[in-house]
Protein backbone atom coordinates (compact mmCIF):
# COMPACT_ATOMS: atom_id res chain seq x y z
CA UNK A 1 96.09 64.85 96.17
CA UNK A 2 99.23 65.68 94.20
CA UNK A 3 102.29 65.71 96.96
CA UNK A 4 105.01 68.55 96.35
CA UNK A 5 108.02 66.94 95.02
CA UNK A 6 109.82 69.42 97.85
CA UNK A 7 107.66 67.64 100.72
CA UNK A 8 108.40 64.27 99.34
CA UNK A 9 112.16 64.63 99.21
CA UNK A 10 111.98 66.24 102.70
CA UNK A 11 110.02 63.12 103.81
CA UNK A 12 111.00 61.36 107.15
CA UNK A 13 109.19 57.69 106.36
CA UNK A 14 108.16 55.77 103.34
CA UNK A 15 104.93 56.08 102.09
CA UNK A 16 102.56 53.12 100.46
CA UNK A 17 100.56 55.43 98.12
CA UNK A 18 101.75 59.16 96.61
CA UNK A 19 100.76 60.93 93.71
CA UNK A 20 103.33 63.36 91.96
CA UNK A 21 103.24 64.99 88.86
CA UNK A 22 106.18 67.33 87.10
CA UNK A 23 108.24 67.83 84.21
CA UNK A 24 110.86 65.02 83.00
CA UNK A 25 114.46 66.45 83.35
CA UNK A 26 115.86 63.41 81.88
CA UNK A 27 115.13 59.82 81.20
CA UNK A 28 117.42 56.71 80.90
CA UNK A 29 116.64 52.74 80.13
CA UNK A 30 118.00 49.90 81.42
CA UNK A 31 117.06 46.11 81.53
CA UNK A 32 113.39 46.97 81.32
CA UNK A 33 112.95 49.86 83.62
CA UNK A 34 113.12 53.72 82.97
CA UNK A 35 114.59 55.81 85.30
CA UNK A 36 112.94 59.41 85.21
CA UNK A 37 114.45 62.63 86.80
CA UNK A 38 111.07 64.72 87.92
CA UNK A 39 110.79 68.30 88.86
CA UNK A 40 107.56 70.42 89.82
CA UNK A 41 109.06 73.41 89.95
CA UNK A 42 108.31 73.36 94.15
CA UNK A 43 112.09 73.22 94.57
CA UNK A 44 115.65 72.85 93.12
CA UNK A 45 115.47 69.04 93.45
CA UNK A 46 114.21 66.25 91.24
CA UNK A 47 112.22 63.29 92.16
CA UNK A 48 113.55 60.19 90.97
CA UNK A 49 111.30 57.83 89.30
CA UNK A 50 111.52 53.95 88.81
CA UNK A 51 109.17 52.53 85.82
CA UNK A 52 108.71 49.09 84.52
CA UNK A 53 108.06 48.16 81.28
CA UNK A 54 104.56 46.18 82.76
CA UNK A 55 102.78 49.01 84.97
CA UNK A 56 100.02 51.48 83.50
CA UNK A 57 101.09 54.09 81.38
CA UNK A 58 104.68 52.13 80.66
CA UNK A 59 103.64 51.95 76.55
CA UNK A 60 103.84 55.87 76.71
CA UNK A 61 107.60 55.69 78.40
CA UNK A 62 109.67 56.37 75.00
CA UNK A 63 107.72 59.65 74.66
CA UNK A 64 108.56 60.70 78.10
CA UNK A 65 111.24 62.74 77.11
CA UNK A 66 113.41 65.89 78.43
CA UNK A 67 110.61 68.57 78.67
CA UNK A 68 107.46 66.33 78.94
CA UNK A 69 105.30 66.32 81.75
CA UNK A 70 104.19 63.13 83.48
CA UNK A 71 101.73 62.15 86.14
CA UNK A 72 102.88 59.40 88.55
CA UNK A 73 101.65 57.18 91.19
CA UNK A 74 103.19 54.87 93.30
CA UNK A 75 105.30 54.19 96.58
CA UNK A 76 107.92 56.53 97.88
CA UNK A 77 110.63 54.43 99.53
CA UNK A 78 114.62 54.71 100.58
CA UNK A 79 116.38 54.93 97.75
CA UNK A 80 118.69 52.53 96.31
CA UNK A 81 121.25 54.86 95.07
CA UNK A 82 123.51 57.90 95.77
CA UNK A 83 121.88 61.57 95.40
CA UNK A 84 118.75 61.23 96.92
CA UNK A 85 117.27 59.83 100.00
CA UNK A 86 113.87 58.94 98.76
CA UNK A 87 112.68 57.60 94.75
CA UNK A 88 109.25 56.21 93.85
CA UNK A 89 108.83 53.05 92.35
CA UNK A 90 105.89 53.48 90.06
CA UNK A 91 102.94 51.56 90.10
CA UNK A 92 101.45 53.74 87.16
CA UNK A 93 102.43 56.62 84.77
CA UNK A 94 100.57 59.13 82.75
CA UNK A 95 101.95 60.90 79.59
CA UNK A 96 100.41 64.48 79.88
CA UNK A 97 102.24 66.20 77.41
CA UNK A 98 105.00 65.39 74.78
CA UNK A 99 108.21 67.48 74.53
CA UNK A 100 109.03 67.08 70.95
CA UNK A 101 112.84 66.88 69.58
CA UNK A 102 112.83 70.71 69.42
CA UNK A 103 112.08 71.39 72.95
CA UNK A 104 115.28 74.19 73.31
CA UNK A 105 116.01 73.09 77.08
CA UNK A 106 118.19 69.93 76.79
CA UNK A 107 120.58 68.93 78.47
CA UNK A 108 123.50 70.93 78.52
CA UNK A 109 124.88 74.70 79.25
CA UNK A 110 122.87 77.53 78.13
CA UNK A 111 123.66 81.25 77.86
CA UNK A 112 121.39 83.73 79.87
CA UNK A 113 121.38 85.72 76.09
CA UNK A 114 119.75 82.44 74.59
CA UNK A 115 117.49 81.88 77.75
CA UNK A 116 115.99 85.83 77.82
CA UNK A 117 114.99 85.21 73.97
CA UNK A 118 112.90 81.88 75.52
CA UNK A 119 111.80 83.77 78.71
CA UNK A 120 108.74 81.77 78.72
CA UNK A 121 110.16 78.84 79.49
CA UNK A 122 113.71 79.66 81.02
CA UNK A 123 111.57 79.27 84.36
CA UNK A 124 112.03 75.20 84.07
CA UNK A 125 115.91 76.06 84.30
CA UNK A 126 117.73 74.90 87.51
CA UNK A 127 118.90 78.40 87.78
CA UNK A 128 116.05 80.42 86.71
CA UNK A 129 113.59 78.36 88.74
CA UNK A 130 115.57 78.94 91.82
CA UNK A 131 115.88 82.73 91.05
CA UNK A 132 111.95 83.01 91.03
CA UNK A 133 111.54 81.00 93.99
CA UNK A 134 113.96 83.29 95.24
CA UNK A 135 111.87 86.37 94.18
CA UNK A 136 108.99 85.08 95.62
CA UNK A 137 110.40 84.18 99.24
CA UNK A 138 112.08 87.84 99.46
CA UNK A 139 108.83 89.13 98.08
CA UNK A 140 106.69 87.89 101.90
CA UNK A 141 110.21 88.63 103.87
CA UNK A 142 109.36 92.47 102.75
CA UNK A 143 106.05 92.25 103.66
CA UNK A 144 107.12 90.32 106.87
CA UNK A 145 109.34 93.21 107.65
CA UNK A 146 107.24 95.89 107.67
CA UNK A 147 104.18 94.14 109.84
CA UNK A 148 106.86 93.41 112.39
CA UNK A 149 107.25 97.13 112.67
CA UNK A 150 103.84 97.63 112.40
CA UNK A 151 103.68 99.24 109.22
CA UNK A 152 100.09 99.59 107.12
CA UNK A 153 100.75 98.47 103.41
CA UNK A 154 99.01 100.72 101.23
CA UNK A 155 98.15 100.19 97.57
CA UNK A 156 99.21 103.53 95.27
CA UNK A 157 98.08 104.23 92.01
CA UNK A 158 99.21 102.81 88.87
CA UNK A 159 98.10 105.64 86.76
CA UNK A 160 98.52 109.28 87.88
CA UNK A 161 98.30 112.67 86.52
CA UNK A 162 101.80 113.59 89.07
CA UNK A 163 105.44 113.20 88.33
CA UNK A 164 107.04 112.14 91.39
CA UNK A 165 110.87 112.69 90.13
CA UNK A 166 110.15 115.73 87.78
CA UNK A 167 112.47 114.39 85.27
CA UNK A 168 109.34 113.95 83.00
CA UNK A 169 110.00 110.51 81.73
CA UNK A 170 106.92 108.82 82.22
CA UNK A 171 104.48 106.72 80.12
CA UNK A 172 101.35 108.05 78.69
CA UNK A 173 98.49 106.73 79.59
CA UNK A 174 95.79 107.50 76.31
CA UNK A 175 92.58 106.21 74.99
CA UNK A 176 93.47 108.96 71.79
CA UNK A 177 94.08 107.15 68.49
CA UNK A 178 97.54 108.60 67.40
CA UNK A 179 97.00 108.04 63.72
CA UNK A 180 93.85 109.45 63.64
CA UNK A 181 95.38 112.41 61.99
CA UNK A 182 93.70 115.13 63.87
CA UNK A 183 95.45 116.46 67.07
CA UNK A 184 93.36 116.01 70.11
CA UNK A 185 93.44 118.20 73.70
CA UNK A 186 93.88 115.90 76.93
CA UNK A 187 90.29 117.02 78.03
CA UNK A 188 89.01 114.69 75.37
CA UNK A 189 90.80 111.96 76.83
CA UNK A 190 89.66 109.55 79.45
CA UNK A 191 90.70 111.00 82.40
CA UNK A 192 90.00 114.63 80.85
CA UNK A 193 94.07 115.40 82.04
CA UNK A 194 97.35 114.19 81.01
CA UNK A 195 97.57 110.82 82.70
CA UNK A 196 100.58 108.34 82.92
CA UNK A 197 102.07 105.52 84.18
CA UNK A 198 103.74 106.19 87.83
CA UNK A 199 107.47 106.36 88.46
CA UNK A 200 106.83 106.24 92.13
CA UNK A 201 104.46 106.01 94.70
CA UNK A 202 106.02 108.27 97.23
CA UNK A 203 103.81 111.56 97.09
CA UNK A 204 100.62 109.12 97.77
CA UNK A 205 102.44 107.34 100.30
CA UNK A 206 103.42 110.80 102.12
CA UNK A 207 99.96 111.51 102.36
CA UNK A 208 98.94 108.20 104.19
CA UNK A 209 101.80 108.22 106.56
CA UNK A 210 100.34 111.96 107.22
CA UNK A 211 97.25 109.62 108.79
CA UNK A 212 98.49 106.50 109.62
CA UNK A 213 101.80 107.06 111.09
CA UNK A 214 103.84 104.39 109.24
CA UNK A 215 103.09 102.86 105.86
CA UNK A 216 104.80 101.41 102.32
CA UNK A 217 103.83 100.62 99.18
CA UNK A 218 105.46 97.37 97.04
CA UNK A 219 104.34 97.65 93.47
CA UNK A 220 105.30 98.06 89.74
CA UNK A 221 107.08 101.35 88.76
CA UNK A 222 107.58 102.47 85.40
CA UNK A 223 110.37 104.80 83.73
CA UNK A 224 110.27 105.65 80.06
CA UNK A 225 114.50 106.21 80.23
CA UNK A 226 116.32 104.75 76.95
CA UNK A 227 118.93 103.18 79.34
CA UNK A 228 120.45 100.06 77.72
CA UNK A 229 122.22 99.33 81.09
CA UNK A 230 122.49 95.76 82.76
CA UNK A 231 120.92 97.82 85.91
CA UNK A 232 117.93 99.45 84.32
CA UNK A 233 114.19 98.35 83.41
CA UNK A 234 111.44 100.36 82.27
CA UNK A 235 109.09 98.11 84.15
CA UNK A 236 110.30 97.13 87.87
CA UNK A 237 109.58 96.93 91.07
CA UNK A 238 109.70 99.33 94.11
CA UNK A 239 109.36 99.05 98.09
CA UNK A 240 108.92 102.35 99.33
CA UNK A 241 107.89 103.47 103.49
CA UNK A 242 106.99 106.53 104.70
CA UNK A 243 107.54 107.64 108.02
CA UNK A 244 105.78 110.40 109.97
CA UNK A 245 107.68 111.88 112.92
CA UNK A 246 111.08 110.34 111.27
CA UNK A 247 114.05 112.58 109.90
CA UNK A 248 116.88 111.37 107.72
CA UNK A 249 118.55 109.79 110.86
CA UNK A 250 115.76 107.13 111.42
CA UNK A 251 115.47 106.96 107.58
CA UNK A 252 118.67 105.58 106.98
CA UNK A 253 118.97 103.32 109.99
CA UNK A 254 115.26 101.75 108.47
CA UNK A 255 117.13 101.43 105.20
CA UNK A 256 120.28 99.75 106.73
CA UNK A 257 117.90 97.37 108.65
CA UNK A 258 115.87 96.39 105.84
CA UNK A 259 118.49 95.59 103.65
CA UNK A 260 120.36 93.48 106.60
CA UNK A 261 116.84 92.04 107.04
CA UNK A 262 116.45 90.83 103.44
CA UNK A 263 120.05 89.46 102.98
CA UNK A 264 119.62 87.30 106.16
CA UNK A 265 116.36 86.05 104.51
CA UNK A 266 118.53 84.74 101.72
CA UNK A 267 120.99 83.62 103.99
CA UNK A 268 118.68 81.47 105.60
CA UNK A 269 116.57 79.89 102.92
CA UNK A 270 115.90 76.30 103.89
CA UNK A 271 115.34 75.61 100.00
CA UNK A 272 119.10 75.32 99.10
CA UNK A 273 118.26 77.81 96.24
CA UNK A 274 121.17 80.05 97.09
CA UNK A 275 123.82 77.07 96.32
CA UNK A 276 123.09 77.37 92.88
CA UNK A 277 123.94 80.91 92.86
CA UNK A 278 127.19 80.39 94.69
CA UNK A 279 128.03 77.41 92.32
CA UNK A 280 127.49 79.00 89.13
CA UNK A 281 126.98 82.91 89.30
CA UNK A 282 129.27 83.97 92.55
CA UNK A 283 131.48 81.69 94.24
CA UNK A 284 132.11 84.23 97.03
CA UNK A 285 128.75 85.14 97.58
CA UNK A 286 127.55 83.58 100.69
CA UNK A 287 130.60 84.96 102.24
CA UNK A 288 129.97 88.74 100.99
CA UNK A 289 126.26 88.25 102.37
CA UNK A 290 127.30 86.82 105.54
CA UNK A 291 129.58 90.18 105.99
CA UNK A 292 126.90 92.35 104.89
CA UNK A 293 124.51 90.99 107.41
CA UNK A 294 126.78 90.48 110.30
CA UNK A 295 128.89 94.24 110.14
CA UNK A 296 127.55 98.08 110.66
CA UNK A 297 127.45 100.28 107.23
CA UNK A 298 129.53 103.16 106.47
CA UNK A 299 128.42 106.62 106.53
CA UNK A 300 129.32 109.17 104.44
CA UNK A 301 128.18 112.97 103.19
CA UNK A 302 128.37 113.38 99.76
CA UNK A 303 131.17 116.31 100.54
CA UNK A 304 133.13 113.34 101.93
CA UNK A 305 132.43 110.98 98.97
CA UNK A 306 133.68 113.26 96.24
CA UNK A 307 136.94 114.26 97.85
CA UNK A 308 137.35 110.90 98.89
CA UNK A 309 136.73 109.55 94.58
CA UNK A 310 139.00 112.96 93.86
CA UNK A 311 141.89 111.77 95.94
CA UNK A 312 141.52 107.99 94.72
CA UNK A 313 144.07 108.31 91.60
CA UNK A 314 141.54 106.33 89.86
CA UNK A 315 140.76 107.54 86.31
CA UNK A 316 136.87 106.81 86.02
CA UNK A 317 134.46 107.35 82.90
CA UNK A 318 132.37 109.93 84.05
CA UNK A 319 134.13 113.19 85.74
CA UNK A 320 134.35 113.73 89.61
CA UNK A 321 132.99 116.82 90.47
CA UNK A 322 130.95 118.50 93.47
CA UNK A 323 127.53 119.20 91.94
CA UNK A 324 127.32 116.06 89.75
CA UNK A 325 125.43 112.43 90.48
CA UNK A 326 127.42 109.58 91.08
CA UNK A 327 127.94 107.17 88.57
CA UNK A 328 127.92 103.73 89.12
CA UNK A 329 131.33 103.22 88.57
CA UNK A 330 131.51 105.88 91.62
CA UNK A 331 129.46 104.06 93.66
CA UNK A 332 131.01 100.71 93.23
CA UNK A 333 134.52 102.01 93.89
CA UNK A 334 133.35 103.45 97.06
CA UNK A 335 132.00 100.63 98.23
CA UNK A 336 134.17 97.84 96.83
CA UNK A 337 137.67 98.81 97.05
CA UNK A 338 137.58 102.08 99.45
CA UNK A 339 135.11 101.32 102.64
CA UNK A 340 134.57 97.74 101.49
CA UNK A 341 131.10 97.33 102.57
CA UNK A 342 127.64 98.99 102.21
CA UNK A 343 127.89 102.75 102.26
CA UNK A 344 125.10 105.14 103.03
CA UNK A 345 125.73 108.86 101.14
CA UNK A 346 123.76 111.91 102.05
CA UNK A 347 123.31 115.63 102.37
CA UNK A 348 123.36 115.94 98.19
CA UNK A 349 123.11 119.29 96.59
CA UNK A 350 119.89 120.74 96.41
CA UNK A 351 120.60 121.60 92.47
CA UNK A 352 120.72 117.59 91.54
CA UNK A 353 117.88 116.32 93.96
CA UNK A 354 113.73 116.73 93.56
CA UNK A 355 111.61 119.50 95.14
CA UNK A 356 110.27 117.17 97.96
CA UNK A 357 113.89 117.07 99.57
CA UNK A 358 114.04 119.09 103.03
CA UNK A 359 116.66 121.78 102.83
CA UNK A 360 119.26 121.60 105.49
CA UNK A 361 120.19 124.88 107.03
CA UNK A 362 123.68 125.69 104.77
CA UNK A 363 120.78 126.07 102.08
CA UNK A 364 123.06 124.18 99.95
CA UNK A 365 122.34 120.95 100.37
CA UNK A 366 119.39 118.73 101.00
CA UNK A 367 118.63 115.24 103.57
CA UNK A 368 118.89 112.80 100.82
CA UNK A 369 120.59 109.45 101.35
CA UNK A 370 121.82 106.85 98.69
CA UNK A 371 122.52 103.61 100.28
CA UNK A 372 125.01 101.52 97.79
CA UNK A 373 126.36 97.92 97.84
CA UNK A 374 129.11 96.20 96.43
CA UNK A 375 128.54 94.69 92.94
CA UNK A 376 124.96 97.12 92.25
CA UNK A 377 125.88 100.48 93.80
CA UNK A 378 123.09 102.12 94.81
CA UNK A 379 119.88 100.23 95.90
CA UNK A 380 117.90 102.58 97.82
CA UNK A 381 117.44 106.24 97.73
CA UNK A 382 115.26 108.23 99.90
CA UNK A 383 115.42 111.61 102.25
CA UNK A 384 113.58 113.46 104.83
CA UNK A 385 110.68 115.46 103.02
CA UNK A 386 110.37 119.27 103.24
CA UNK A 387 107.21 119.52 105.54
CA UNK A 388 107.77 123.37 105.88
CA UNK A 389 104.77 124.45 103.30
CA UNK A 390 107.11 127.81 102.84
CA UNK A 391 110.00 126.09 101.93
CA UNK A 392 107.93 123.80 100.07
CA UNK A 393 106.35 125.71 98.18
CA UNK A 394 109.76 127.89 96.92
CA UNK A 395 111.19 124.56 95.95
CA UNK A 396 108.35 123.79 93.89
CA UNK A 397 108.42 127.37 92.11
CA UNK A 398 112.17 126.52 91.56
CA UNK A 399 111.39 123.40 89.78
CA UNK A 400 108.77 125.14 87.70
CA UNK A 401 105.73 122.71 89.33
CA UNK A 402 102.24 123.88 88.91
CA UNK A 403 100.92 124.57 92.12
CA UNK A 404 97.21 123.90 91.16
CA UNK A 405 98.39 120.28 90.26
CA UNK A 406 100.19 119.79 93.31
CA UNK A 407 97.42 121.49 95.78
CA UNK A 408 96.89 118.14 97.08
CA UNK A 409 100.14 117.41 98.13
CA UNK A 410 100.38 120.94 99.51
CA UNK A 411 97.63 120.78 101.75
CA UNK A 412 99.58 117.94 103.45
CA UNK A 413 102.18 120.93 104.73
CA UNK A 414 99.01 123.38 105.15
CA UNK A 415 97.32 121.41 107.89
CA UNK A 416 99.32 119.59 110.64
CA UNK A 417 102.30 119.23 109.15
CA UNK A 418 104.88 116.79 110.68
CA UNK A 419 108.42 115.78 109.92
CA UNK A 420 108.57 112.77 107.79
CA UNK A 421 110.66 110.89 105.88
CA UNK A 422 111.00 107.78 103.51
CA UNK A 423 113.09 105.75 101.02
CA UNK A 424 112.73 103.68 97.72
CA UNK A 425 114.15 100.33 97.55
CA UNK A 426 114.93 98.99 93.93
CA UNK A 427 113.22 95.23 94.22
CA UNK A 428 115.15 93.78 91.42
CA UNK A 429 118.36 95.30 92.32
CA UNK A 430 118.27 93.67 95.92
CA UNK A 431 117.79 90.57 94.07
CA UNK A 432 120.79 90.73 91.94
CA UNK A 433 122.79 91.59 95.27
CA UNK A 434 121.20 88.48 96.96
CA UNK A 435 122.01 86.49 93.73
CA UNK A 436 125.03 87.88 92.40
CA UNK A 437 122.78 88.01 89.17
CA UNK A 438 124.55 90.62 87.06
CA UNK A 439 121.74 91.64 84.74
CA UNK A 440 118.35 93.25 85.73
CA UNK A 441 116.68 91.16 83.02
CA UNK A 442 117.60 87.91 84.64
CA UNK A 443 116.03 88.60 87.84
CA UNK A 444 112.38 89.82 86.20
CA UNK A 445 110.01 87.24 84.91
CA UNK A 446 109.49 89.14 82.26
CA UNK A 447 111.25 92.35 81.31
CA UNK A 448 110.60 95.43 79.67
CA UNK A 449 113.60 97.41 77.97
CA UNK A 450 113.84 99.83 75.15
CA UNK A 451 113.11 97.98 72.02
CA UNK A 452 111.28 94.74 74.21
CA UNK A 453 108.23 94.17 75.24
CA UNK A 454 107.17 90.72 74.75
CA UNK A 455 104.21 88.70 76.36
């Protein structure tokens, strides 16, 4: 059995016989010996392999250059050099795959822009290897967070006939030939009606919350927004809990608890992956994350937030007026310069929020909330849902929604309605926050943005 390099580096004793495999990061030759730094992706650390010219497979040592893949058998012994506790004295070595001189990841610095152009190879770099291990670990932490609170994991549909956000920025799913020359109706399409990639699993999640109590969904979502920013992607992952018998306060409590939980997960990682982000991306990362983990969040109403921004004396690119959405620059100023901590803004004007949010008694605002964090802005958006049948119908009519298309949704209010609430967390934005990475394209394996759909 092949041993993971991660496990070998954590060994507590020597071993007479081990088998490892990986990709060569560097090789140097000295006095009849070759010293290879081997990495298999299981951790950021490399395993030093010492191979002499007489062992089986040594005839290919000259081909074991940076990027080549090799398999090695030998003894795990205490390292005689600095920088590592263990090394392998090879008894045999085998070249699995060569890497010619044009291998693009030589031992030098590479810009994020260049690495995005070779996204199929960038996971082999230290930074992106660490990034995607962090992504994996944080995914497990999401499921653990909800499992500890007895939430049920629900798989909501990727293909949907409903528009949760009501903005119409959806990708159409069709089997009709767009260049056939003759316009065809939806009735002739695969589903017999208009179908799209989902922008959210929320509406379907609400159905299950109104039966199972507390549920969550965690999966890909899609927005056909022509947004060329560092925070937007056409395909991204969303974490969406829905809770029956819950109000806005409970919703904000859960969102803040989840952010703290995931931040602590990033800080507690035992594999050392966070260190590379501290060193090369954000030197103050650990201090910032520890502050978030150990301190309460601020809460402020939308009305108060607008007044604070208007009195700030700061010149913003986008206007600050009641009734307008807060932009990223406003959100970041609130968290980075005014409150200097994560901030939850709640009770937004009803005109700028979707139909499903519960109308407050003032008839002007809805029980919406956005959780903002320094460096990113909005990371969570949620609300208490409108559970009153008559008010929901009024909201839907005001937004021009078809009662026939959403009859299934209305039924949850018609039959045994309950107060309920939920939110959506952008997983990639959370990853940006805990690693300090500044572009969403660098925290998702294969970025989907306007004009880019490789692989």
